[in-house]
Amino acid sequence: MKVSIITSVYNNKHQIKQAIDSVLSQSYENIEYIIIDGASTDGTINIIKSYKDKISKFISEPDEGIYSGLNKGIDLATGDIIGFLHSDDFYVDSYVVENIMKIFNNNECDGVYGDLIYVDQKDTDKIIRYWKSGEFEYKNLEKGWMPPHPAFFVRKEIYNKFGYFDTDFKIAADYNFMLKILIDKKMRIHYLPKVLYVMRVGGESNKSLKNIWQKSKEDLMALKRNRIGGIRTLIKKNISKIYQFGLWGGHCNAAMGGSGIGNKLTLNK
C-alpha cells in the first residue's frame, strides 16, 4: 500500500530540513511525500526546493493556517494511508512507517497509532514528556483519553467518510477530528506500543498561556460538539498530562526497545 505523509509549514527554515530528512530516510519504499507551504518568506521555500527531486508534491501559497494546509495535502494525497509530520518534528527512527504498515497489512484496521515524546527545542536528546497512549477503549474517551494525532495513521477513506479538519478550530482541529472518528464504534483501531514520533515543545498549542487557554476552549467545544463529555472530561484530559512528565525515565526506554533514549533518539528495528 502507498502511504501519503503530509507536512504543512510556514516560515520554519531552521527545522524543516530535519523533518524532510526524517521522511526521506524511512525504510518503507512506497511513500508519497507532500509539503504544503503557506507562502513562507524566510527561506523555507528554498530549502524545500533543494529536495525537489525527492518530494512528490509541493505547493506554496497563502493559506489559513496549519489545518488548512493539511486539508490541501489530504486533497492531493493518492495514498491508501495518510500520516502527518509537522515541520518542527521528526520520526524517532527510519522504521516508523514500515512498522505501521506491517500492522495495516496484517490486520483489518482503519487506523494505527503509537506513542510520542516531547523534547527540548534545541537539545532534542533531552526528553520533556512521554505520551504513552495505551490501548484504545471507547469508555476512556469520556475520561479525556486520546492518542497523539501526529502518531496516528489513518486510511484515506476515513477522511473521505468523516470529512477533513474543521478550520473553525485554530488549535484543536485534530482533537475534534479524532473524537469524531473514535466515537464511531465501527472504527477498527490498533495500538503499536512504541515511540514513533518526536515533537519539540513550544508548538502552537502550548507556546504561550494565551494559546493554552485557547486550546482548552477549543477542546471543550470539540467534546460538546461530539457529545462525548464536558468540563469534567477536559479536566481529566489535562490532569493526565501531568503524569506524562514523570513517565519517560524507565518506561520510555523500555518502549523503545532498550535503546537508551535518555541519551540518543534511536530505536532498534
C-alpha atoms as a PDB file:
ATOM      1  CA  MET A   1       0.000   0.000   0.000  1.00  0.00           C
ATOM      2  CA  LYS A   2       1.048   3.566  -0.619  1.00  0.00           C
ATOM      3  CA  VAL A   3       1.498   5.918   2.353  1.00  0.00           C
ATOM      4  CA  SER A   4       0.993   9.662   1.954  1.00  0.00           C
ATOM      5  CA  ILE A   5       2.858  11.772   4.509  1.00  0.00           C
ATOM      6  CA  ILE A   6       1.868  15.434   4.683  1.00  0.00           C
ATOM      7  CA  THR A   7       3.808  18.372   6.135  1.00  0.00           C
ATOM      8  CA  SER A   8       2.227  21.811   6.485  1.00  0.00           C
ATOM      9  CA  VAL A   9       4.798  24.569   7.030  1.00  0.00           C
ATOM     10  CA  TYR A  10       5.127  28.329   7.270  1.00  0.00           C
ATOM     11  CA  ASN A  11       8.412  30.172   7.939  1.00  0.00           C
ATOM     12  CA  ASN A  12      10.374  27.377   9.567  1.00  0.00           C
ATOM     13  CA  LYS A  13      13.724  27.377   7.773  1.00  0.00           C
ATOM     14  CA  HIS A  14      15.612  26.215  10.865  1.00  0.00           C
ATOM     15  CA  GLN A  15      13.764  22.919  11.334  1.00  0.00           C
ATOM     16  CA  ILE A  16      12.107  21.942   8.044  1.00  0.00           C
ATOM     17  CA  LYS A  17      15.264  20.185   6.801  1.00  0.00           C
ATOM     18  CA  GLN A  18      15.248  17.723   9.708  1.00  0.00           C
ATOM     19  CA  ALA A  19      11.566  16.980   9.096  1.00  0.00           C
ATOM     20  CA  ILE A  20      12.157  16.317   5.396  1.00  0.00           C
ATOM     21  CA  ASP A  21      15.208  14.138   6.072  1.00  0.00           C
ATOM     22  CA  SER A  22      13.153  12.162   8.604  1.00  0.00           C
ATOM     23  CA  VAL A  23      10.601  11.240   5.933  1.00  0.00           C
ATOM     24  CA  LEU A  24      13.122  10.578   3.186  1.00  0.00           C
ATOM     25  CA  SER A  25      15.118   8.250   5.456  1.00  0.00           C
ATOM     26  CA  GLN A  26      12.177   5.905   6.028  1.00  0.00           C
ATOM     27  CA  SER A  27      12.834   2.283   5.069  1.00  0.00           C
ATOM     28  CA  TYR A  28       9.330   1.832   3.642  1.00  0.00           C
ATOM     29  CA  GLU A  29       9.602   2.380  -0.091  1.00  0.00           C
ATOM     30  CA  ASN A  30       6.097   3.325  -1.231  1.00  0.00           C
ATOM     31  CA  ILE A  31       5.822   6.793   0.320  1.00  0.00           C
ATOM     32  CA  GLU A  32       4.264   9.848  -1.284  1.00  0.00           C
ATOM     33  CA  TYR A  33       5.629  12.942   0.471  1.00  0.00           C
ATOM     34  CA  ILE A  34       3.536  16.106   0.200  1.00  0.00           C
ATOM     35  CA  ILE A  35       4.610  19.510   1.526  1.00  0.00           C
ATOM     36  CA  ILE A  36       2.168  22.406   1.744  1.00  0.00           C
ATOM     37  CA  ASP A  37       3.813  25.774   2.383  1.00  0.00           C
ATOM     38  CA  GLY A  38       1.820  28.829   3.393  1.00  0.00           C
ATOM     39  CA  ALA A  39       3.877  31.242   1.261  1.00  0.00           C
ATOM     40  CA  SER A  40       6.899  31.393   3.554  1.00  0.00           C
ATOM     41  CA  THR A  41       9.176  34.439   3.345  1.00  0.00           C
ATOM     42  CA  ASP A  42      12.163  33.323   5.455  1.00  0.00           C
ATOM     43  CA  GLY A  43      13.961  30.946   3.104  1.00  0.00           C
ATOM     44  CA  THR A  44      11.906  27.846   3.901  1.00  0.00           C
ATOM     45  CA  ILE A  45      10.850  27.524   0.252  1.00  0.00           C
ATOM     46  CA  ASN A  46      14.448  27.425  -0.968  1.00  0.00           C
ATOM     47  CA  ILE A  47      15.236  24.572   1.414  1.00  0.00           C
ATOM     48  CA  ILE A  48      12.204  22.614   0.244  1.00  0.00           C
ATOM     49  CA  LYS A  49      13.079  23.197  -3.409  1.00  0.00           C
ATOM     50  CA  SER A  50      16.544  21.764  -2.813  1.00  0.00           C
ATOM     51  CA  TYR A  51      14.741  18.427  -2.354  1.00  0.00           C
ATOM     52  CA  LYS A  52      12.523  18.856  -5.407  1.00  0.00           C
ATOM     53  CA  ASP A  53      13.515  15.516  -6.941  1.00  0.00           C
ATOM     54  CA  LYS A  54      12.597  13.642  -3.769  1.00  0.00           C
ATOM     55  CA  ILE A  55       9.342  15.353  -2.778  1.00  0.00           C
ATOM     56  CA  SER A  56       6.235  14.039  -4.528  1.00  0.00           C
ATOM     57  CA  LYS A  57       4.117  17.191  -4.415  1.00  0.00           C
ATOM     58  CA  PHE A  58       4.847  20.726  -3.248  1.00  0.00           C
ATOM     59  CA  ILE A  59       2.564  23.750  -3.106  1.00  0.00           C
ATOM     60  CA  SER A  60       3.410  27.210  -1.802  1.00  0.00           C
ATOM     61  CA  GLU A  61       0.553  29.680  -1.494  1.00  0.00           C
ATOM     62  CA  PRO A  62      -1.176  31.689   1.252  1.00  0.00           C
ATOM     63  CA  ASP A  63      -3.486  29.645   3.476  1.00  0.00           C
ATOM     64  CA  GLU A  64      -5.428  29.978   6.704  1.00  0.00           C
ATOM     65  CA  GLY A  65      -3.066  28.041   8.961  1.00  0.00           C
ATOM     66  CA  ILE A  66      -1.788  24.542   9.592  1.00  0.00           C
ATOM     67  CA  TYR A  67      -5.139  22.756   9.273  1.00  0.00           C
ATOM     68  CA  SER A  68      -5.884  24.499   6.008  1.00  0.00           C
ATOM     69  CA  GLY A  69      -2.534  23.236   4.764  1.00  0.00           C
ATOM     70  CA  LEU A  70      -3.173  19.697   5.977  1.00  0.00           C
ATOM     71  CA  ASN A  71      -6.565  19.700   4.251  1.00  0.00           C
ATOM     72  CA  LYS A  72      -4.888  20.696   0.992  1.00  0.00           C
ATOM     73  CA  GLY A  73      -2.484  17.828   1.479  1.00  0.00           C
ATOM     74  CA  ILE A  74      -5.281  15.332   2.040  1.00  0.00           C
ATOM     75  CA  ASP A  75      -6.918  16.520  -1.193  1.00  0.00           C
ATOM     76  CA  LEU A  76      -3.689  15.868  -3.076  1.00  0.00           C
ATOM     77  CA  ALA A  77      -2.927  12.551  -1.414  1.00  0.00           C
ATOM     78  CA  THR A  78      -3.221   9.392  -3.500  1.00  0.00           C
ATOM     79  CA  GLY A  79      -2.023   7.012  -0.791  1.00  0.00           C
ATOM     80  CA  ASP A  80      -4.081   4.313   0.912  1.00  0.00           C
ATOM     81  CA  ILE A  81      -2.839   5.517   4.308  1.00  0.00           C
ATOM     82  CA  ILE A  82      -2.291   9.088   5.493  1.00  0.00           C
ATOM     83  CA  GLY A  83       0.127  10.312   8.150  1.00  0.00           C
ATOM     84  CA  PHE A  84       1.331  13.767   9.171  1.00  0.00           C
ATOM     85  CA  LEU A  85       4.716  15.139  10.133  1.00  0.00           C
ATOM     86  CA  HIS A  86       4.812  18.718  11.385  1.00  0.00           C
ATOM     87  CA  SER A  87       7.668  20.878  10.161  1.00  0.00           C
ATOM     88  CA  ASP A  88       9.452  21.138  13.520  1.00  0.00           C
ATOM     89  CA  ASP A  89       9.152  17.431  14.389  1.00  0.00           C
ATOM     90  CA  PHE A  90      10.648  14.146  13.207  1.00  0.00           C
ATOM     91  CA  TYR A  91      10.132  10.395  13.361  1.00  0.00           C
ATOM     92  CA  VAL A  92      12.086   8.544  16.022  1.00  0.00           C
ATOM     93  CA  ASP A  93      13.883   6.343  13.503  1.00  0.00           C
ATOM     94  CA  SER A  94      13.826   5.076   9.914  1.00  0.00           C
ATOM     95  CA  TYR A  95      11.427   2.199  10.572  1.00  0.00           C
ATOM     96  CA  VAL A  96       8.336   4.044  11.801  1.00  0.00           C
ATOM     97  CA  VAL A  97       6.329   3.811   8.570  1.00  0.00           C
ATOM     98  CA  GLU A  98       7.484   0.240   7.947  1.00  0.00           C
ATOM     99  CA  ASN A  99       6.305  -0.815  11.418  1.00  0.00           C
ATOM    100  CA  ILE A 100       2.986   0.950  10.966  1.00  0.00           C
ATOM    101  CA  MET A 101       2.399  -0.689   7.612  1.00  0.00           C
ATOM    102  CA  LYS A 102       3.118  -4.150   8.961  1.00  0.00           C
ATOM    103  CA  ILE A 103       0.075  -3.708  11.182  1.00  0.00           C
ATOM    104  CA  PHE A 104      -2.118  -2.412   8.363  1.00  0.00           C
ATOM    105  CA  ASN A 105      -1.045  -5.323   6.170  1.00  0.00           C
ATOM    106  CA  ASN A 106      -1.565  -7.985   8.827  1.00  0.00           C
ATOM    107  CA  ASN A 107      -4.788  -6.704  10.406  1.00  0.00           C
ATOM    108  CA  GLU A 108      -8.129  -5.379   9.252  1.00  0.00           C
ATOM    109  CA  CYS A 109      -7.930  -1.917  10.751  1.00  0.00           C
ATOM    110  CA  ASP A 110      -8.811   1.669   9.895  1.00  0.00           C
ATOM    111  CA  GLY A 111      -6.132   3.363  11.964  1.00  0.00           C
ATOM    112  CA  VAL A 112      -2.881   2.633  13.767  1.00  0.00           C
ATOM    113  CA  TYR A 113      -1.293   4.806  16.453  1.00  0.00           C
ATOM    114  CA  GLY A 114       1.699   4.704  18.771  1.00  0.00           C
ATOM    115  CA  ASP A 115       3.443   6.830  21.389  1.00  0.00           C
ATOM    116  CA  LEU A 116       5.013  10.293  21.207  1.00  0.00           C
ATOM    117  CA  ILE A 117       7.728  12.106  23.117  1.00  0.00           C
ATOM    118  CA  TYR A 118       8.239  15.827  23.610  1.00  0.00           C
ATOM    119  CA  VAL A 119      11.821  17.071  23.561  1.00  0.00           C
ATOM    120  CA  ASP A 120      13.623  20.334  24.221  1.00  0.00           C
ATOM    121  CA  GLN A 121      13.511  22.880  21.379  1.00  0.00           C
ATOM    122  CA  LYS A 122      17.292  22.994  20.971  1.00  0.00           C
ATOM    123  CA  ASP A 123      18.550  19.815  22.645  1.00  0.00           C
ATOM    124  CA  THR A 124      16.403  17.137  21.041  1.00  0.00           C
ATOM    125  CA  ASP A 125      18.116  14.436  23.103  1.00  0.00           C
ATOM    126  CA  LYS A 126      16.518  15.960  26.210  1.00  0.00           C
ATOM    127  CA  ILE A 127      13.102  14.407  26.804  1.00  0.00           C
ATOM    128  CA  ILE A 128      10.492  16.594  28.496  1.00  0.00           C
ATOM    129  CA  ARG A 129       7.363  14.479  28.329  1.00  0.00           C
ATOM    130  CA  TYR A 130       6.398  10.968  27.246  1.00  0.00           C
ATOM    131  CA  TRP A 131       2.880  10.473  25.871  1.00  0.00           C
ATOM    132  CA  LYS A 132       2.266   6.778  26.338  1.00  0.00           C
ATOM    133  CA  SER A 133      -1.011   6.142  24.555  1.00  0.00           C
ATOM    134  CA  GLY A 134      -2.122   2.706  25.746  1.00  0.00           C
ATOM    135  CA  GLU A 135      -4.783   0.507  24.232  1.00  0.00           C
ATOM    136  CA  PHE A 136      -7.915   2.121  22.854  1.00  0.00           C
ATOM    137  CA  GLU A 137     -11.114   1.713  24.871  1.00  0.00           C
ATOM    138  CA  TYR A 138     -14.224   3.622  23.892  1.00  0.00           C
ATOM    139  CA  LYS A 139     -15.160   4.385  27.515  1.00  0.00           C
ATOM    140  CA  ASN A 140     -11.875   6.220  28.042  1.00  0.00           C
ATOM    141  CA  LEU A 141     -12.857   8.984  25.637  1.00  0.00           C
ATOM    142  CA  GLU A 142     -15.101  10.413  28.351  1.00  0.00           C
ATOM    143  CA  LYS A 143     -12.107  10.349  30.698  1.00  0.00           C
ATOM    144  CA  GLY A 144     -10.125  12.615  28.395  1.00  0.00           C
ATOM    145  CA  TRP A 145      -8.064   9.854  26.763  1.00  0.00           C
ATOM    146  CA  MET A 146      -6.808  10.464  23.267  1.00  0.00           C
ATOM    147  CA  PRO A 147      -3.893   9.121  21.205  1.00  0.00           C
ATOM    148  CA  PRO A 148      -1.374  11.675  19.903  1.00  0.00           C
ATOM    149  CA  HIS A 149      -2.580  12.756  16.488  1.00  0.00           C
ATOM    150  CA  PRO A 150       0.876  13.007  14.838  1.00  0.00           C
ATOM    151  CA  ALA A 151       1.489   9.348  15.747  1.00  0.00           C
ATOM    152  CA  PHE A 152      -1.877   8.310  14.280  1.00  0.00           C
ATOM    153  CA  PHE A 153      -2.004   6.887  10.740  1.00  0.00           C
ATOM    154  CA  VAL A 154      -5.446   6.514   9.148  1.00  0.00           C
ATOM    155  CA  ARG A 155      -6.800   5.131   5.890  1.00  0.00           C
ATOM    156  CA  LYS A 156      -7.617   7.890   3.412  1.00  0.00           C
ATOM    157  CA  GLU A 157     -11.144   6.531   3.073  1.00  0.00           C
ATOM    158  CA  ILE A 158     -11.757   7.604   6.682  1.00  0.00           C
ATOM    159  CA  TYR A 159     -11.199  11.251   5.682  1.00  0.00           C
ATOM    160  CA  ASN A 160     -13.499  10.733   2.722  1.00  0.00           C
ATOM    161  CA  LYS A 161     -16.162   9.355   5.051  1.00  0.00           C
ATOM    162  CA  PHE A 162     -15.894  11.698   8.045  1.00  0.00           C
ATOM    163  CA  GLY A 163     -14.557  14.848   6.423  1.00  0.00           C
ATOM    164  CA  TYR A 164     -11.307  16.755   6.858  1.00  0.00           C
ATOM    165  CA  PHE A 165     -10.145  19.094   9.626  1.00  0.00           C
ATOM    166  CA  ASP A 166     -12.670  21.741  10.668  1.00  0.00           C
ATOM    167  CA  THR A 167     -10.830  25.042  10.274  1.00  0.00           C
ATOM    168  CA  ASP A 168     -13.189  26.716  12.742  1.00  0.00           C
ATOM    169  CA  PHE A 169     -10.717  25.202  15.209  1.00  0.00           C
ATOM    170  CA  LYS A 170      -7.384  27.040  15.122  1.00  0.00           C
ATOM    171  CA  ILE A 171      -5.506  24.758  17.559  1.00  0.00           C
ATOM    172  CA  ALA A 172      -7.668  21.711  18.306  1.00  0.00           C
ATOM    173  CA  ALA A 173      -8.983  20.608  14.899  1.00  0.00           C
ATOM    174  CA  ASP A 174      -7.007  17.375  15.236  1.00  0.00           C
ATOM    175  CA  TYR A 175      -8.659  16.607  18.592  1.00  0.00           C
ATOM    176  CA  ASN A 176     -12.091  17.305  17.113  1.00  0.00           C
ATOM    177  CA  PHE A 177     -11.349  15.020  14.159  1.00  0.00           C
ATOM    178  CA  MET A 178     -10.161  12.152  16.326  1.00  0.00           C
ATOM    179  CA  LEU A 179     -13.183  12.409  18.600  1.00  0.00           C
ATOM    180  CA  LYS A 180     -15.420  12.393  15.532  1.00  0.00           C
ATOM    181  CA  ILE A 181     -13.989   9.123  14.224  1.00  0.00           C
ATOM    182  CA  LEU A 182     -13.322   7.342  17.512  1.00  0.00           C
ATOM    183  CA  ILE A 183     -16.887   7.682  18.782  1.00  0.00           C
ATOM    184  CA  ASP A 184     -17.884   5.530  15.830  1.00  0.00           C
ATOM    185  CA  LYS A 185     -17.806   2.057  17.361  1.00  0.00           C
ATOM    186  CA  LYS A 186     -17.299   0.521  13.922  1.00  0.00           C
ATOM    187  CA  MET A 187     -13.818   2.002  13.732  1.00  0.00           C
ATOM    188  CA  ARG A 188     -11.064  -0.619  13.915  1.00  0.00           C
ATOM    189  CA  ILE A 189      -8.093   0.855  15.751  1.00  0.00           C
ATOM    190  CA  HIS A 190      -4.779  -0.814  16.540  1.00  0.00           C
ATOM    191  CA  TYR A 191      -2.143   0.332  19.056  1.00  0.00           C
ATOM    192  CA  LEU A 192       1.583  -0.086  18.401  1.00  0.00           C
ATOM    193  CA  PRO A 193       3.294   0.197  21.823  1.00  0.00           C
ATOM    194  CA  LYS A 194       6.373   2.027  20.593  1.00  0.00           C
ATOM    195  CA  VAL A 195       7.530   5.622  20.480  1.00  0.00           C
ATOM    196  CA  LEU A 196       7.052   6.729  16.886  1.00  0.00           C
ATOM    197  CA  TYR A 197       7.132  10.485  16.884  1.00  0.00           C
ATOM    198  CA  VAL A 198       9.364  13.212  18.362  1.00  0.00           C
ATOM    199  CA  MET A 199       7.826  16.641  18.928  1.00  0.00           C
ATOM    200  CA  ARG A 200       9.622  19.762  20.078  1.00  0.00           C
ATOM    201  CA  VAL A 201       7.989  21.627  22.966  1.00  0.00           C
ATOM    202  CA  GLY A 202       6.708  25.084  22.220  1.00  0.00           C
ATOM    203  CA  GLY A 203       4.323  24.181  19.424  1.00  0.00           C
ATOM    204  CA  GLU A 204       1.232  26.152  18.509  1.00  0.00           C
ATOM    205  CA  SER A 205      -0.934  24.675  21.284  1.00  0.00           C
ATOM    206  CA  ASN A 206       1.455  25.337  24.175  1.00  0.00           C
ATOM    207  CA  LYS A 207       3.799  28.143  23.177  1.00  0.00           C
ATOM    208  CA  SER A 208       2.015  30.713  25.359  1.00  0.00           C
ATOM    209  CA  LEU A 209      -0.588  30.959  28.114  1.00  0.00           C
ATOM    210  CA  LYS A 210      -2.937  32.562  25.599  1.00  0.00           C
ATOM    211  CA  ASN A 211      -2.647  29.556  23.299  1.00  0.00           C
ATOM    212  CA  ILE A 212      -3.039  27.090  26.168  1.00  0.00           C
ATOM    213  CA  TRP A 213      -6.266  28.862  27.145  1.00  0.00           C
ATOM    214  CA  GLN A 214      -7.458  28.874  23.521  1.00  0.00           C
ATOM    215  CA  LYS A 215      -6.621  25.164  23.225  1.00  0.00           C
ATOM    216  CA  SER A 216      -8.691  24.381  26.340  1.00  0.00           C
ATOM    217  CA  LYS A 217     -11.670  26.328  24.986  1.00  0.00           C
ATOM    218  CA  GLU A 218     -11.467  24.506  21.670  1.00  0.00           C
ATOM    219  CA  ASP A 219     -11.059  21.119  23.368  1.00  0.00           C
ATOM    220  CA  LEU A 220     -14.237  21.779  25.325  1.00  0.00           C
ATOM    221  CA  MET A 221     -16.028  22.827  22.138  1.00  0.00           C
ATOM    222  CA  ALA A 222     -14.916  19.592  20.465  1.00  0.00           C
ATOM    223  CA  LEU A 223     -16.123  17.495  23.393  1.00  0.00           C
ATOM    224  CA  LYS A 224     -19.542  19.125  23.358  1.00  0.00           C
ATOM    225  CA  ARG A 225     -19.849  19.008  19.584  1.00  0.00           C
ATOM    226  CA  ASN A 226     -19.156  15.268  19.593  1.00  0.00           C
ATOM    227  CA  ARG A 227     -21.268  14.656  22.709  1.00  0.00           C
ATOM    228  CA  ILE A 228     -18.533  12.764  24.490  1.00  0.00           C
ATOM    229  CA  GLY A 229     -18.166  14.852  27.635  1.00  0.00           C
ATOM    230  CA  GLY A 230     -17.778  18.334  29.022  1.00  0.00           C
ATOM    231  CA  ILE A 231     -15.764  20.271  31.569  1.00  0.00           C
ATOM    232  CA  ARG A 232     -15.060  17.180  33.704  1.00  0.00           C
ATOM    233  CA  THR A 233     -13.644  15.354  30.699  1.00  0.00           C
ATOM    234  CA  LEU A 234     -11.473  18.366  29.877  1.00  0.00           C
ATOM    235  CA  ILE A 235     -10.130  18.494  33.440  1.00  0.00           C
ATOM    236  CA  LYS A 236      -9.287  14.778  33.356  1.00  0.00           C
ATOM    237  CA  LYS A 237      -7.624  15.232  29.978  1.00  0.00           C
ATOM    238  CA  ASN A 238      -5.372  17.979  31.305  1.00  0.00           C
ATOM    239  CA  ILE A 239      -4.581  16.184  34.559  1.00  0.00           C
ATOM    240  CA  SER A 240      -3.473  13.100  32.640  1.00  0.00           C
ATOM    241  CA  LYS A 241      -0.701  15.164  31.059  1.00  0.00           C
ATOM    242  CA  ILE A 242       0.939  15.762  34.444  1.00  0.00           C
ATOM    243  CA  TYR A 243       1.777  12.076  34.783  1.00  0.00           C
ATOM    244  CA  GLN A 244       3.473  12.113  31.374  1.00  0.00           C
ATOM    245  CA  PHE A 245       6.184  14.463  32.621  1.00  0.00           C
ATOM    246  CA  GLY A 246       7.456  11.883  35.096  1.00  0.00           C
ATOM    247  CA  LEU A 247       6.898   8.812  32.961  1.00  0.00           C
ATOM    248  CA  TRP A 248       9.709   8.897  30.467  1.00  0.00           C
ATOM    249  CA  GLY A 249      12.600   7.643  32.610  1.00  0.00           C
ATOM    250  CA  GLY A 250      12.230   3.862  32.684  1.00  0.00           C
ATOM    251  CA  HIS A 251       9.069   3.261  30.707  1.00  0.00           C
ATOM    252  CA  CYS A 252      10.179   5.178  27.659  1.00  0.00           C
ATOM    253  CA  ASN A 253      13.480   3.345  27.458  1.00  0.00           C
ATOM    254  CA  ALA A 254      11.648   0.022  27.578  1.00  0.00           C
ATOM    255  CA  ALA A 255       9.100   1.109  24.975  1.00  0.00           C
ATOM    256  CA  MET A 256      11.918   1.976  22.612  1.00  0.00           C
ATOM    257  CA  GLY A 257      13.499  -1.427  22.713  1.00  0.00           C
ATOM    258  CA  GLY A 258      16.048  -0.612  25.400  1.00  0.00           C
ATOM    259  CA  SER A 259      17.776   1.825  23.119  1.00  0.00           C
ATOM    260  CA  GLY A 260      18.838   4.288  25.802  1.00  0.00           C
ATOM    261  CA  ILE A 261      16.598   7.099  24.664  1.00  0.00           C
ATOM    262  CA  GLY A 262      17.751   9.269  27.539  1.00  0.00           C
ATOM    263  CA  ASN A 263      20.988   9.731  25.625  1.00  0.00           C
ATOM    264  CA  LYS A 264      20.162   9.262  21.948  1.00  0.00           C
ATOM    265  CA  LEU A 265      16.942   9.043  19.971  1.00  0.00           C
ATOM    266  CA  THR A 266      17.459   5.681  18.353  1.00  0.00           C
ATOM    267  CA  LEU A 267      15.213   2.679  18.050  1.00  0.00           C
ATOM    268  CA  ASN A 268      16.067  -0.884  17.169  1.00  0.00           C
ATOM    269  CA  LYS A 269      14.333  -2.244  14.069  1.00  0.00           C
END
